[in-house]
């Protein structure tokens, strides 16, 4: 997950969001000791990073265990290079050492 030095919670702005009860319970389960609000912040930061033009890589090439050929169905960003992968463009799906499947440009593993 995306990690960033963040301010203490006293320096953060309070925001109200409505979540389905089931979603909130699932987030609590996934978050464990981290707390579901911190998990939600991590998820949002990951999304912002992926959509940002100043994208930074999420992983290193040696963290890719296997790659599989694929065709992008929507715009993606390569997890290694940050390059945009356009819809209907050939790409790879990389399985990481932590079990995540991430989008990769075809050139990123060369």
PDB file of N, CA and C in Angstrom:
ATOM      1  N   UNK A   1       0.817  -1.193   0.000  1.00  0.00           N
ATOM      2  CA  UNK A   1       0.000   0.000   0.000  1.00  0.00           C
ATOM      3  C   UNK A   1       0.861   1.257   0.000  1.00  0.00           C
ATOM      4  N   UNK A   2       0.313   2.301  -0.476  1.00  0.00           N
ATOM      5  CA  UNK A   2       1.010   3.575  -0.544  1.00  0.00           C
ATOM      6  C   UNK A   2       1.278   4.088   0.862  1.00  0.00           C
ATOM      7  N   UNK A   3       2.539   4.432   1.131  1.00  0.00           N
ATOM      8  CA  UNK A   3       2.860   4.976   2.444  1.00  0.00           C
ATOM      9  C   UNK A   3       3.428   6.367   2.287  1.00  0.00           C
ATOM     10  N   UNK A   4       3.082   7.213   3.198  1.00  0.00           N
ATOM     11  CA  UNK A   4       3.459   8.609   3.141  1.00  0.00           C
ATOM     12  C   UNK A   4       3.477   9.108   4.565  1.00  0.00           C
ATOM     13  N   UNK A   5       4.430   9.973   4.892  1.00  0.00           N
ATOM     14  CA  UNK A   5       4.419  10.575   6.221  1.00  0.00           C
ATOM     15  C   UNK A   5       3.243  11.538   6.271  1.00  0.00           C
ATOM     16  N   UNK A   6       2.305  11.236   7.141  1.00  0.00           N
ATOM     17  CA  UNK A   6       1.113  12.062   7.248  1.00  0.00           C
ATOM     18  C   UNK A   6       1.107  12.776   8.587  1.00  0.00           C
ATOM     19  N   UNK A   7       0.421  13.878   8.658  1.00  0.00           N
ATOM     20  CA  UNK A   7       0.339  14.621   9.922  1.00  0.00           C
ATOM     21  C   UNK A   7      -0.424  13.806  10.969  1.00  0.00           C
ATOM     22  N   UNK A   8      -0.269  14.209  12.217  1.00  0.00           N
ATOM     23  CA  UNK A   8      -1.046  13.556  13.266  1.00  0.00           C
ATOM     24  C   UNK A   8      -2.522  13.834  13.017  1.00  0.00           C
ATOM     25  N   UNK A   9      -3.372  13.012  13.600  1.00  0.00           N
ATOM     26  CA  UNK A   9      -4.811  13.177  13.369  1.00  0.00           C
ATOM     27  C   UNK A   9      -5.319  14.518  13.870  1.00  0.00           C
ATOM     28  N   UNK A  10      -4.629  15.121  14.826  1.00  0.00           N
ATOM     29  CA  UNK A  10      -5.063  16.438  15.294  1.00  0.00           C
ATOM     30  C   UNK A  10      -4.843  17.512  14.239  1.00  0.00           C
ATOM     31  N   UNK A  11      -3.941  17.252  13.274  1.00  0.00           N
ATOM     32  CA  UNK A  11      -3.680  18.206  12.192  1.00  0.00           C
ATOM     33  C   UNK A  11      -4.530  17.942  10.941  1.00  0.00           C
ATOM     34  N   UNK A  12      -5.372  16.901  10.992  1.00  0.00           N
ATOM     35  CA  UNK A  12      -6.211  16.549   9.849  1.00  0.00           C
ATOM     36  C   UNK A  12      -7.570  17.227   9.952  1.00  0.00           C
ATOM     37  N   UNK A  13      -8.212  17.389   8.804  1.00  0.00           N
ATOM     38  CA  UNK A  13      -9.563  17.941   8.780  1.00  0.00           C
ATOM     39  C   UNK A  13     -10.575  16.821   8.985  1.00  0.00           C
ATOM     40  N   UNK A  14     -11.618  17.116   9.700  1.00  0.00           N
ATOM     41  CA  UNK A  14     -12.689  16.150   9.912  1.00  0.00           C
ATOM     42  C   UNK A  14     -13.603  16.160   8.703  1.00  0.00           C
ATOM     43  N   UNK A  15     -13.894  14.965   8.176  1.00  0.00           N
ATOM     44  CA  UNK A  15     -14.787  14.807   7.037  1.00  0.00           C
ATOM     45  C   UNK A  15     -15.781  13.714   7.359  1.00  0.00           C
ATOM     46  N   UNK A  16     -17.015  13.951   7.036  1.00  0.00           N
ATOM     47  CA  UNK A  16     -18.051  12.949   7.265  1.00  0.00           C
ATOM     48  C   UNK A  16     -18.324  12.220   5.953  1.00  0.00           C
ATOM     49  N   UNK A  17     -18.421  10.899   6.042  1.00  0.00           N
ATOM     50  CA  UNK A  17     -18.745  10.090   4.865  1.00  0.00           C
ATOM     51  C   UNK A  17     -19.730   9.014   5.296  1.00  0.00           C
ATOM     52  N   UNK A  18     -20.699   8.759   4.468  1.00  0.00           N
ATOM     53  CA  UNK A  18     -21.687   7.723   4.768  1.00  0.00           C
ATOM     54  C   UNK A  18     -21.263   6.434   4.077  1.00  0.00           C
ATOM     55  N   UNK A  19     -21.168   5.367   4.858  1.00  0.00           N
ATOM     56  CA  UNK A  19     -20.802   4.056   4.348  1.00  0.00           C
ATOM     57  C   UNK A  19     -21.878   3.045   4.722  1.00  0.00           C
ATOM     58  N   UNK A  20     -22.092   2.093   3.850  1.00  0.00           N
ATOM     59  CA  UNK A  20     -22.984   1.005   4.197  1.00  0.00           C
ATOM     60  C   UNK A  20     -22.415   0.285   5.413  1.00  0.00           C
ATOM     61  N   UNK A  21     -23.276  -0.182   6.289  1.00  0.00           N
ATOM     62  CA  UNK A  21     -22.832  -0.857   7.513  1.00  0.00           C
ATOM     63  C   UNK A  21     -21.920  -2.043   7.175  1.00  0.00           C
ATOM     64  N   UNK A  22     -22.314  -2.831   6.162  1.00  0.00           N
ATOM     65  CA  UNK A  22     -21.527  -4.003   5.773  1.00  0.00           C
ATOM     66  C   UNK A  22     -20.134  -3.590   5.296  1.00  0.00           C
ATOM     67  N   UNK A  23     -20.046  -2.502   4.516  1.00  0.00           N
ATOM     68  CA  UNK A  23     -18.758  -2.018   4.044  1.00  0.00           C
ATOM     69  C   UNK A  23     -17.882  -1.597   5.215  1.00  0.00           C
ATOM     70  N   UNK A  24     -18.450  -0.883   6.150  1.00  0.00           N
ATOM     71  CA  UNK A  24     -17.693  -0.434   7.321  1.00  0.00           C
ATOM     72  C   UNK A  24     -17.167  -1.628   8.111  1.00  0.00           C
ATOM     73  N   UNK A  25     -17.987  -2.652   8.280  1.00  0.00           N
ATOM     74  CA  UNK A  25     -17.561  -3.848   9.021  1.00  0.00           C
ATOM     75  C   UNK A  25     -16.443  -4.579   8.281  1.00  0.00           C
ATOM     76  N   UNK A  26     -16.554  -4.674   6.966  1.00  0.00           N
ATOM     77  CA  UNK A  26     -15.494  -5.316   6.167  1.00  0.00           C
ATOM     78  C   UNK A  26     -14.189  -4.528   6.269  1.00  0.00           C
ATOM     79  N   UNK A  27     -14.277  -3.200   6.224  1.00  0.00           N
ATOM     80  CA  UNK A  27     -13.085  -2.364   6.370  1.00  0.00           C
ATOM     81  C   UNK A  27     -12.440  -2.574   7.735  1.00  0.00           C
ATOM     82  N   UNK A  28     -13.255  -2.672   8.770  1.00  0.00           N
ATOM     83  CA  UNK A  28     -12.717  -2.916  10.112  1.00  0.00           C
ATOM     84  C   UNK A  28     -11.994  -4.257  10.173  1.00  0.00           C
ATOM     85  N   UNK A  29     -12.585  -5.288   9.534  1.00  0.00           N
ATOM     86  CA  UNK A  29     -11.948  -6.609   9.497  1.00  0.00           C
ATOM     87  C   UNK A  29     -10.607  -6.552   8.778  1.00  0.00           C
ATOM     88  N   UNK A  30     -10.586  -5.895   7.621  1.00  0.00           N
ATOM     89  CA  UNK A  30      -9.358  -5.794   6.826  1.00  0.00           C
ATOM     90  C   UNK A  30      -8.283  -4.971   7.517  1.00  0.00           C
ATOM     91  N   UNK A  31      -8.704  -3.943   8.224  1.00  0.00           N
ATOM     92  CA  UNK A  31      -7.760  -3.011   8.837  1.00  0.00           C
ATOM     93  C   UNK A  31      -7.042  -3.603  10.045  1.00  0.00           C
ATOM     94  N   UNK A  32      -7.713  -4.475  10.770  1.00  0.00           N
ATOM     95  CA  UNK A  32      -7.104  -5.051  11.970  1.00  0.00           C
ATOM     96  C   UNK A  32      -6.717  -3.966  12.952  1.00  0.00           C
ATOM     97  N   UNK A  33      -5.486  -4.034  13.442  1.00  0.00           N
ATOM     98  CA  UNK A  33      -5.000  -3.067  14.437  1.00  0.00           C
ATOM     99  C   UNK A  33      -4.754  -1.681  13.853  1.00  0.00           C
ATOM    100  N   UNK A  34      -4.668  -1.583  12.536  1.00  0.00           N
ATOM    101  CA  UNK A  34      -4.401  -0.296  11.887  1.00  0.00           C
ATOM    102  C   UNK A  34      -5.578   0.673  12.071  1.00  0.00           C
ATOM    103  N   UNK A  35      -6.789   0.149  12.132  1.00  0.00           N
ATOM    104  CA  UNK A  35      -7.969   0.994  12.224  1.00  0.00           C
ATOM    105  C   UNK A  35      -8.517   1.279  10.839  1.00  0.00           C
ATOM    106  N   UNK A  36      -9.842   1.239  10.713  1.00  0.00           N
ATOM    107  CA  UNK A  36     -10.435   1.357   9.381  1.00  0.00           C
ATOM    108  C   UNK A  36     -10.307   2.758   8.800  1.00  0.00           C
ATOM    109  N   UNK A  37     -10.240   3.792   9.626  1.00  0.00           N
ATOM    110  CA  UNK A  37     -10.086   5.138   9.068  1.00  0.00           C
ATOM    111  C   UNK A  37      -8.714   5.305   8.428  1.00  0.00           C
ATOM    112  N   UNK A  38      -7.689   4.746   9.051  1.00  0.00           N
ATOM    113  CA  UNK A  38      -6.347   4.781   8.453  1.00  0.00           C
ATOM    114  C   UNK A  38      -6.330   3.983   7.152  1.00  0.00           C
ATOM    115  N   UNK A  39      -7.036   2.857   7.126  1.00  0.00           N
ATOM    116  CA  UNK A  39      -7.129   2.059   5.906  1.00  0.00           C
ATOM    117  C   UNK A  39      -7.815   2.854   4.797  1.00  0.00           C
ATOM    118  N   UNK A  40      -8.899   3.540   5.127  1.00  0.00           N
ATOM    119  CA  UNK A  40      -9.594   4.368   4.131  1.00  0.00           C
ATOM    120  C   UNK A  40      -8.657   5.450   3.600  1.00  0.00           C
ATOM    121  N   UNK A  41      -7.867   6.089   4.466  1.00  0.00           N
ATOM    122  CA  UNK A  41      -6.905   7.101   4.003  1.00  0.00           C
ATOM    123  C   UNK A  41      -5.880   6.475   3.059  1.00  0.00           C
ATOM    124  N   UNK A  42      -5.378   5.270   3.394  1.00  0.00           N
ATOM    125  CA  UNK A  42      -4.420   4.590   2.517  1.00  0.00           C
ATOM    126  C   UNK A  42      -5.038   4.295   1.153  1.00  0.00           C
ATOM    127  N   UNK A  43      -6.274   3.806   1.155  1.00  0.00           N
ATOM    128  CA  UNK A  43      -6.961   3.508  -0.103  1.00  0.00           C
ATOM    129  C   UNK A  43      -7.116   4.776  -0.935  1.00  0.00           C
ATOM    130  N   UNK A  44      -7.533   5.865  -0.290  1.00  0.00           N
ATOM    131  CA  UNK A  44      -7.699   7.130  -1.014  1.00  0.00           C
ATOM    132  C   UNK A  44      -6.371   7.659  -1.530  1.00  0.00           C
ATOM    133  N   UNK A  45      -5.314   7.585  -0.733  1.00  0.00           N
ATOM    134  CA  UNK A  45      -3.993   8.030  -1.206  1.00  0.00           C
ATOM    135  C   UNK A  45      -3.525   7.174  -2.385  1.00  0.00           C
ATOM    136  N   UNK A  46      -3.770   5.852  -2.341  1.00  0.00           N
ATOM    137  CA  UNK A  46      -3.412   4.986  -3.469  1.00  0.00           C
ATOM    138  C   UNK A  46      -4.133   5.429  -4.735  1.00  0.00           C
ATOM    139  N   UNK A  47      -5.410   5.729  -4.614  1.00  0.00           N
ATOM    140  CA  UNK A  47      -6.195   6.170  -5.764  1.00  0.00           C
ATOM    141  C   UNK A  47      -5.653   7.485  -6.314  1.00  0.00           C
ATOM    142  N   UNK A  48      -5.402   8.433  -5.431  1.00  0.00           N
ATOM    143  CA  UNK A  48      -4.875   9.735  -5.851  1.00  0.00           C
ATOM    144  C   UNK A  48      -3.522   9.550  -6.539  1.00  0.00           C
ATOM    145  N   UNK A  49      -2.676   8.706  -5.978  1.00  0.00           N
ATOM    146  CA  UNK A  49      -1.358   8.470  -6.579  1.00  0.00           C
ATOM    147  C   UNK A  49      -1.497   7.873  -7.973  1.00  0.00           C
ATOM    148  N   UNK A  50      -2.374   6.890  -8.138  1.00  0.00           N
ATOM    149  CA  UNK A  50      -2.543   6.243  -9.432  1.00  0.00           C
ATOM    150  C   UNK A  50      -3.095   7.195 -10.488  1.00  0.00           C
ATOM    151  N   UNK A  51      -3.933   8.117 -10.097  1.00  0.00           N
ATOM    152  CA  UNK A  51      -4.544   9.053 -11.045  1.00  0.00           C
ATOM    153  C   UNK A  51      -3.726  10.325 -11.240  1.00  0.00           C
ATOM    154  N   UNK A  52      -2.710  10.509 -10.435  1.00  0.00           N
ATOM    155  CA  UNK A  52      -1.927  11.733 -10.460  1.00  0.00           C
ATOM    156  C   UNK A  52      -0.928  11.729 -11.609  1.00  0.00           C
ATOM    157  N   UNK A  53      -0.642  12.911 -12.128  1.00  0.00           N
ATOM    158  CA  UNK A  53       0.367  13.028 -13.184  1.00  0.00           C
ATOM    159  C   UNK A  53       1.777  12.910 -12.636  1.00  0.00           C
ATOM    160  N   UNK A  54       1.967  13.092 -11.333  1.00  0.00           N
ATOM    161  CA  UNK A  54       3.291  12.924 -10.737  1.00  0.00           C
ATOM    162  C   UNK A  54       3.401  11.558 -10.057  1.00  0.00           C
ATOM    163  N   UNK A  55       2.871  10.549 -10.747  1.00  0.00           N
ATOM    164  CA  UNK A  55       2.825   9.176 -10.273  1.00  0.00           C
ATOM    165  C   UNK A  55       4.217   8.666  -9.902  1.00  0.00           C
ATOM    166  N   UNK A  56       4.298   7.946  -8.805  1.00  0.00           N
ATOM    167  CA  UNK A  56       5.539   7.302  -8.384  1.00  0.00           C
ATOM    168  C   UNK A  56       5.316   5.795  -8.379  1.00  0.00           C
ATOM    169  N   UNK A  57       6.366   5.036  -8.675  1.00  0.00           N
ATOM    170  CA  UNK A  57       6.207   3.591  -8.749  1.00  0.00           C
ATOM    171  C   UNK A  57       5.793   3.019  -7.405  1.00  0.00           C
ATOM    172  N   UNK A  58       5.027   1.940  -7.474  1.00  0.00           N
ATOM    173  CA  UNK A  58       4.536   1.264  -6.286  1.00  0.00           C
ATOM    174  C   UNK A  58       5.438   0.107  -5.869  1.00  0.00           C
ATOM    175  N   UNK A  59       6.096  -0.518  -6.838  1.00  0.00           N
ATOM    176  CA  UNK A  59       6.849  -1.740  -6.576  1.00  0.00           C
ATOM    177  C   UNK A  59       8.161  -1.729  -7.332  1.00  0.00           C
ATOM    178  N   UNK A  60       8.989  -2.705  -7.049  1.00  0.00           N
ATOM    179  CA  UNK A  60      10.250  -2.913  -7.749  1.00  0.00           C
ATOM    180  C   UNK A  60      10.106  -4.126  -8.656  1.00  0.00           C
ATOM    181  N   UNK A  61      10.862  -4.177  -9.759  1.00  0.00           N
ATOM    182  CA  UNK A  61      10.738  -5.308 -10.684  1.00  0.00           C
ATOM    183  C   UNK A  61      10.947  -6.672 -10.030  1.00  0.00           C
ATOM    184  N   UNK A  62      11.829  -6.765  -9.036  1.00  0.00           N
ATOM    185  CA  UNK A  62      12.060  -8.070  -8.413  1.00  0.00           C
ATOM    186  C   UNK A  62      10.908  -8.526  -7.511  1.00  0.00           C
ATOM    187  N   UNK A  63       9.890  -7.676  -7.362  1.00  0.00           N
ATOM    188  CA  UNK A  63       8.699  -8.063  -6.607  1.00  0.00           C
ATOM    189  C   UNK A  63       7.635  -8.703  -7.495  1.00  0.00           C
ATOM    190  N   UNK A  64       7.898  -8.782  -8.807  1.00  0.00           N
ATOM    191  CA  UNK A  64       6.969  -9.423  -9.738  1.00  0.00           C
ATOM    192  C   UNK A  64       7.361 -10.893  -9.851  1.00  0.00           C
ATOM    193  N   UNK A  65       6.432 -11.774  -9.464  1.00  0.00           N
ATOM    194  CA  UNK A  65       6.689 -13.215  -9.511  1.00  0.00           C
ATOM    195  C   UNK A  65       6.421 -13.793 -10.891  1.00  0.00           C
ATOM    196  N   UNK A  66       5.347 -13.318 -11.521  1.00  0.00           N
ATOM    197  CA  UNK A  66       4.949 -13.823 -12.833  1.00  0.00           C
ATOM    198  C   UNK A  66       4.132 -12.741 -13.525  1.00  0.00           C
ATOM    199  N   UNK A  67       4.158 -12.755 -14.851  1.00  0.00           N
ATOM    200  CA  UNK A  67       3.324 -11.804 -15.599  1.00  0.00           C
ATOM    201  C   UNK A  67       2.497 -12.566 -16.633  1.00  0.00           C
ATOM    202  N   UNK A  68       1.328 -12.008 -16.923  1.00  0.00           N
ATOM    203  CA  UNK A  68       0.385 -12.622 -17.850  1.00  0.00           C
ATOM    204  C   UNK A  68      -0.039 -11.565 -18.860  1.00  0.00           C
ATOM    205  N   UNK A  69      -0.089 -11.946 -20.131  1.00  0.00           N
ATOM    206  CA  UNK A  69      -0.555 -11.037 -21.188  1.00  0.00           C
ATOM    207  C   UNK A  69      -2.020 -10.676 -20.957  1.00  0.00           C
ATOM    208  N   UNK A  70      -2.366  -9.428 -21.242  1.00  0.00           N
ATOM    209  CA  UNK A  70      -3.745  -8.965 -21.075  1.00  0.00           C
ATOM    210  C   UNK A  70      -4.001  -7.799 -22.022  1.00  0.00           C
ATOM    211  N   UNK A  71      -5.257  -7.402 -22.122  1.00  0.00           N
ATOM    212  CA  UNK A  71      -5.669  -6.227 -22.890  1.00  0.00           C
ATOM    213  C   UNK A  71      -6.371  -5.285 -21.911  1.00  0.00           C
ATOM    214  N   UNK A  72      -5.937  -4.046 -21.872  1.00  0.00           N
ATOM    215  CA  UNK A  72      -6.549  -3.063 -20.965  1.00  0.00           C
ATOM    216  C   UNK A  72      -7.999  -2.816 -21.370  1.00  0.00           C
ATOM    217  N   UNK A  73      -8.888  -2.830 -20.414  1.00  0.00           N
ATOM    218  CA  UNK A  73     -10.292  -2.541 -20.658  1.00  0.00           C
ATOM    219  C   UNK A  73     -10.630  -1.093 -20.322  1.00  0.00           C
ATOM    220  N   UNK A  74      -9.744  -0.464 -19.570  1.00  0.00           N
ATOM    221  CA  UNK A  74      -9.892   0.948 -19.214  1.00  0.00           C
ATOM    222  C   UNK A  74      -8.486   1.507 -19.065  1.00  0.00           C
ATOM    223  N   UNK A  75      -8.373   2.809 -18.905  1.00  0.00           N
ATOM    224  CA  UNK A  75      -7.053   3.400 -18.731  1.00  0.00           C
ATOM    225  C   UNK A  75      -6.428   2.916 -17.427  1.00  0.00           C
ATOM    226  N   UNK A  76      -5.177   2.496 -17.499  1.00  0.00           N
ATOM    227  CA  UNK A  76      -4.423   2.017 -16.348  1.00  0.00           C
ATOM    228  C   UNK A  76      -3.091   2.741 -16.309  1.00  0.00           C
ATOM    229  N   UNK A  77      -2.382   2.602 -15.218  1.00  0.00           N
ATOM    230  CA  UNK A  77      -1.007   3.108 -15.118  1.00  0.00           C
ATOM    231  C   UNK A  77      -0.111   1.947 -14.718  1.00  0.00           C
ATOM    232  N   UNK A  78       1.009   1.838 -15.391  1.00  0.00           N
ATOM    233  CA  UNK A  78       1.964   0.783 -15.084  1.00  0.00           C
ATOM    234  C   UNK A  78       2.470   0.969 -13.654  1.00  0.00           C
ATOM    235  N   UNK A  79       2.413  -0.091 -12.866  1.00  0.00           N
ATOM    236  CA  UNK A  79       2.837  -0.031 -11.465  1.00  0.00           C
ATOM    237  C   UNK A  79       4.344   0.156 -11.323  1.00  0.00           C
ATOM    238  N   UNK A  80       5.114  -0.148 -12.372  1.00  0.00           N
ATOM    239  CA  UNK A  80       6.571   0.023 -12.309  1.00  0.00           C
ATOM    240  C   UNK A  80       7.034   1.373 -12.821  1.00  0.00           C
ATOM    241  N   UNK A  81       6.440   1.833 -13.926  1.00  0.00           N
ATOM    242  CA  UNK A  81       6.945   3.044 -14.573  1.00  0.00           C
ATOM    243  C   UNK A  81       6.009   4.240 -14.470  1.00  0.00           C
ATOM    244  N   UNK A  82       4.742   3.978 -14.197  1.00  0.00           N
ATOM    245  CA  UNK A  82       3.756   5.055 -14.172  1.00  0.00           C
ATOM    246  C   UNK A  82       3.220   5.405 -15.545  1.00  0.00           C
ATOM    247  N   UNK A  83       3.704   4.713 -16.588  1.00  0.00           N
ATOM    248  CA  UNK A  83       3.249   4.988 -17.952  1.00  0.00           C
ATOM    249  C   UNK A  83       1.760   4.675 -18.086  1.00  0.00           C
ATOM    250  N   UNK A  84       1.070   5.494 -18.862  1.00  0.00           N
ATOM    251  CA  UNK A  84      -0.351   5.278 -19.106  1.00  0.00           C
ATOM    252  C   UNK A  84      -0.520   4.104 -20.065  1.00  0.00           C
ATOM    253  N   UNK A  85      -1.459   3.229 -19.738  1.00  0.00           N
ATOM    254  CA  UNK A  85      -1.851   2.117 -20.607  1.00  0.00           C
ATOM    255  C   UNK A  85      -3.281   2.424 -21.039  1.00  0.00           C
ATOM    256  N   UNK A  86      -3.475   2.603 -22.333  1.00  0.00           N
ATOM    257  CA  UNK A  86      -4.772   3.025 -22.872  1.00  0.00           C
ATOM    258  C   UNK A  86      -5.720   1.836 -23.047  1.00  0.00           C
ATOM    259  N   UNK A  87      -7.029   2.090 -23.053  1.00  0.00           N
ATOM    260  CA  UNK A  87      -7.993   1.013 -23.298  1.00  0.00           C
ATOM    261  C   UNK A  87      -7.695   0.303 -24.615  1.00  0.00           C
ATOM    262  N   UNK A  88      -7.854  -0.996 -24.608  1.00  0.00           N
ATOM    263  CA  UNK A  88      -7.630  -1.896 -25.747  1.00  0.00           C
ATOM    264  C   UNK A  88      -6.155  -2.046 -26.124  1.00  0.00           C
ATOM    265  N   UNK A  89      -5.254  -1.539 -25.305  1.00  0.00           N
ATOM    266  CA  UNK A  89      -3.821  -1.668 -25.547  1.00  0.00           C
ATOM    267  C   UNK A  89      -3.302  -2.933 -24.866  1.00  0.00           C
ATOM    268  N   UNK A  90      -2.389  -3.674 -25.525  1.00  0.00           N
ATOM    269  CA  UNK A  90      -1.795  -4.835 -24.861  1.00  0.00           C
ATOM    270  C   UNK A  90      -1.037  -4.398 -23.600  1.00  0.00           C
ATOM    271  N   UNK A  91      -1.097  -5.213 -22.586  1.00  0.00           N
ATOM    272  CA  UNK A  91      -0.428  -4.929 -21.317  1.00  0.00           C
ATOM    273  C   UNK A  91      -0.094  -6.246 -20.647  1.00  0.00           C
ATOM    274  N   UNK A  92       0.481  -6.170 -19.478  1.00  0.00           N
ATOM    275  CA  UNK A  92       0.734  -7.343 -18.648  1.00  0.00           C
ATOM    276  C   UNK A  92       0.028  -7.149 -17.314  1.00  0.00           C
ATOM    277  N   UNK A  93      -0.348  -8.250 -16.701  1.00  0.00           N
ATOM    278  CA  UNK A  93      -0.774  -8.240 -15.311  1.00  0.00           C
ATOM    279  C   UNK A  93       0.336  -8.930 -14.536  1.00  0.00           C
ATOM    280  N   UNK A  94       0.877  -8.246 -13.558  1.00  0.00           N
ATOM    281  CA  UNK A  94       1.974  -8.796 -12.779  1.00  0.00           C
ATOM    282  C   UNK A  94       1.501  -9.266 -11.422  1.00  0.00           C
ATOM    283  N   UNK A  95       1.808 -10.513 -11.079  1.00  0.00           N
ATOM    284  CA  UNK A  95       1.516 -11.052  -9.756  1.00  0.00           C
ATOM    285  C   UNK A  95       2.717 -10.766  -8.866  1.00  0.00           C
ATOM    286  N   UNK A  96       2.485 -10.040  -7.778  1.00  0.00           N
ATOM    287  CA  UNK A  96       3.578  -9.647  -6.893  1.00  0.00           C
ATOM    288  C   UNK A  96       3.852 -10.708  -5.835  1.00  0.00           C
ATOM    289  N   UNK A  97       4.943 -10.525  -5.128  1.00  0.00           N
ATOM    290  CA  UNK A  97       5.309 -11.426  -4.043  1.00  0.00           C
ATOM    291  C   UNK A  97       4.315 -11.374  -2.894  1.00  0.00           C
ATOM    292  N   UNK A  98       3.477 -10.326  -2.857  1.00  0.00           N
ATOM    293  CA  UNK A  98       2.449 -10.222  -1.816  1.00  0.00           C
ATOM    294  C   UNK A  98       1.079 -10.679  -2.319  1.00  0.00           C
ATOM    295  N   UNK A  99       1.020 -11.184  -3.558  1.00  0.00           N
ATOM    296  CA  UNK A  99      -0.230 -11.730  -4.087  1.00  0.00           C
ATOM    297  C   UNK A  99      -1.129 -10.735  -4.784  1.00  0.00           C
ATOM    298  N   UNK A 100      -0.646  -9.521  -5.034  1.00  0.00           N
ATOM    299  CA  UNK A 100      -1.449  -8.521  -5.743  1.00  0.00           C
ATOM    300  C   UNK A 100      -1.246  -8.667  -7.241  1.00  0.00           C
ATOM    301  N   UNK A 101      -2.301  -8.378  -8.006  1.00  0.00           N
ATOM    302  CA  UNK A 101      -2.200  -8.312  -9.467  1.00  0.00           C
ATOM    303  C   UNK A 101      -2.182  -6.850  -9.843  1.00  0.00           C
ATOM    304  N   UNK A 102      -1.112  -6.416 -10.509  1.00  0.00           N
ATOM    305  CA  UNK A 102      -0.955  -5.011 -10.853  1.00  0.00           C
ATOM    306  C   UNK A 102      -0.775  -4.837 -12.356  1.00  0.00           C
ATOM    307  N   UNK A 103      -1.259  -3.726 -12.907  1.00  0.00           N
ATOM    308  CA  UNK A 103      -1.070  -3.466 -14.334  1.00  0.00           C
ATOM    309  C   UNK A 103       0.375  -3.103 -14.632  1.00  0.00           C
ATOM    310  N   UNK A 104       0.889  -3.640 -15.732  1.00  0.00           N
ATOM    311  CA  UNK A 104       2.258  -3.352 -16.164  1.00  0.00           C
ATOM    312  C   UNK A 104       2.253  -3.072 -17.655  1.00  0.00           C
ATOM    313  N   UNK A 105       3.048  -2.109 -18.079  1.00  0.00           N
ATOM    314  CA  UNK A 105       3.224  -1.904 -19.517  1.00  0.00           C
ATOM    315  C   UNK A 105       4.098  -3.049 -20.027  1.00  0.00           C
ATOM    316  N   UNK A 106       3.956  -3.356 -21.292  1.00  0.00           N
ATOM    317  CA  UNK A 106       4.724  -4.483 -21.869  1.00  0.00           C
ATOM    318  C   UNK A 106       6.224  -4.239 -21.817  1.00  0.00           C
ATOM    319  N   UNK A 107       6.627  -2.970 -21.858  1.00  0.00           N
ATOM    320  CA  UNK A 107       8.047  -2.628 -21.870  1.00  0.00           C
ATOM    321  C   UNK A 107       8.667  -2.615 -20.468  1.00  0.00           C
ATOM    322  N   UNK A 108       7.857  -2.604 -19.448  1.00  0.00           N
ATOM    323  CA  UNK A 108       8.370  -2.360 -18.087  1.00  0.00           C
ATOM    324  C   UNK A 108       9.237  -3.476 -17.538  1.00  0.00           C
ATOM    325  N   UNK A 109       9.109  -4.684 -18.039  1.00  0.00           N
ATOM    326  CA  UNK A 109       9.906  -5.805 -17.509  1.00  0.00           C
ATOM    327  C   UNK A 109      11.106  -6.140 -18.374  1.00  0.00           C
ATOM    328  N   UNK A 110      11.348  -5.360 -19.428  1.00  0.00           N
ATOM    329  CA  UNK A 110      12.484  -5.630 -20.327  1.00  0.00           C
ATOM    330  C   UNK A 110      13.765  -5.084 -19.757  1.00  0.00           C
TER     331      UNK A 110
END
